[in-house]
Amino acid sequence: MFWLGCFIGYCVGTTFCLLLMIQVMKAKEVKELD
């Protein structure tokens, strides 16, 4: 049960980091277009 919680937490953290990186990339693209 403990390992399952760690795995879920890891997946959520990784997904959150990827979404954050995508948002930063989009922000950079918008700034470059301007």
C-alpha atoms as a PDB file:
ATOM      1  CA  MET A   1       0.000   0.000   0.000  1.00  0.00           C
ATOM      2  CA  PHE A   2       2.875   2.347   0.853  1.00  0.00           C
ATOM      3  CA  TRP A   3       4.567   1.727  -2.495  1.00  0.00           C
ATOM      4  CA  LEU A   4       1.285   2.324  -4.332  1.00  0.00           C
ATOM      5  CA  GLY A   5       0.991   5.734  -2.672  1.00  0.00           C
ATOM      6  CA  CYS A   6       4.577   6.590  -3.594  1.00  0.00           C
ATOM      7  CA  PHE A   7       3.995   5.522  -7.209  1.00  0.00           C
ATOM      8  CA  ILE A   8       0.814   7.617  -7.508  1.00  0.00           C
ATOM      9  CA  GLY A   9       2.554  10.611  -5.926  1.00  0.00           C
ATOM     10  CA  TYR A  10       5.472  10.216  -8.351  1.00  0.00           C
ATOM     11  CA  CYS A  11       3.115  10.041 -11.363  1.00  0.00           C
ATOM     12  CA  VAL A  12       1.193  13.120 -10.226  1.00  0.00           C
ATOM     13  CA  GLY A  13       4.402  15.062  -9.567  1.00  0.00           C
ATOM     14  CA  THR A  14       5.868  14.132 -12.961  1.00  0.00           C
ATOM     15  CA  THR A  15       2.648  15.079 -14.774  1.00  0.00           C
ATOM     16  CA  PHE A  16       2.534  18.410 -12.920  1.00  0.00           C
ATOM     17  CA  CYS A  17       6.165  19.150 -13.854  1.00  0.00           C
ATOM     18  CA  LEU A  18       5.482  18.352 -17.528  1.00  0.00           C
ATOM     19  CA  LEU A  19       2.420  20.632 -17.572  1.00  0.00           C
ATOM     20  CA  LEU A  20       4.466  23.397 -15.931  1.00  0.00           C
ATOM     21  CA  MET A  21       7.224  23.015 -18.546  1.00  0.00           C
ATOM     22  CA  ILE A  22       4.637  23.179 -21.367  1.00  0.00           C
ATOM     23  CA  GLN A  23       3.183  26.394 -19.910  1.00  0.00           C
ATOM     24  CA  VAL A  24       6.678  27.929 -19.729  1.00  0.00           C
ATOM     25  CA  MET A  25       7.415  26.903 -23.326  1.00  0.00           C
ATOM     26  CA  LYS A  26       4.145  28.458 -24.510  1.00  0.00           C
ATOM     27  CA  ALA A  27       4.914  31.664 -22.587  1.00  0.00           C
ATOM     28  CA  LYS A  28       8.359  31.849 -24.231  1.00  0.00           C
ATOM     29  CA  GLU A  29       6.847  31.297 -27.693  1.00  0.00           C
ATOM     30  CA  VAL A  30       4.318  34.081 -27.135  1.00  0.00           C
ATOM     31  CA  LYS A  31       7.057  36.478 -25.993  1.00  0.00           C
ATOM     32  CA  GLU A  32       9.175  35.620 -29.035  1.00  0.00           C
ATOM     33  CA  LEU A  33       6.240  36.263 -31.379  1.00  0.00           C
ATOM     34  CA  ASP A  34       5.711  39.702 -29.854  1.00  0.00           C
END
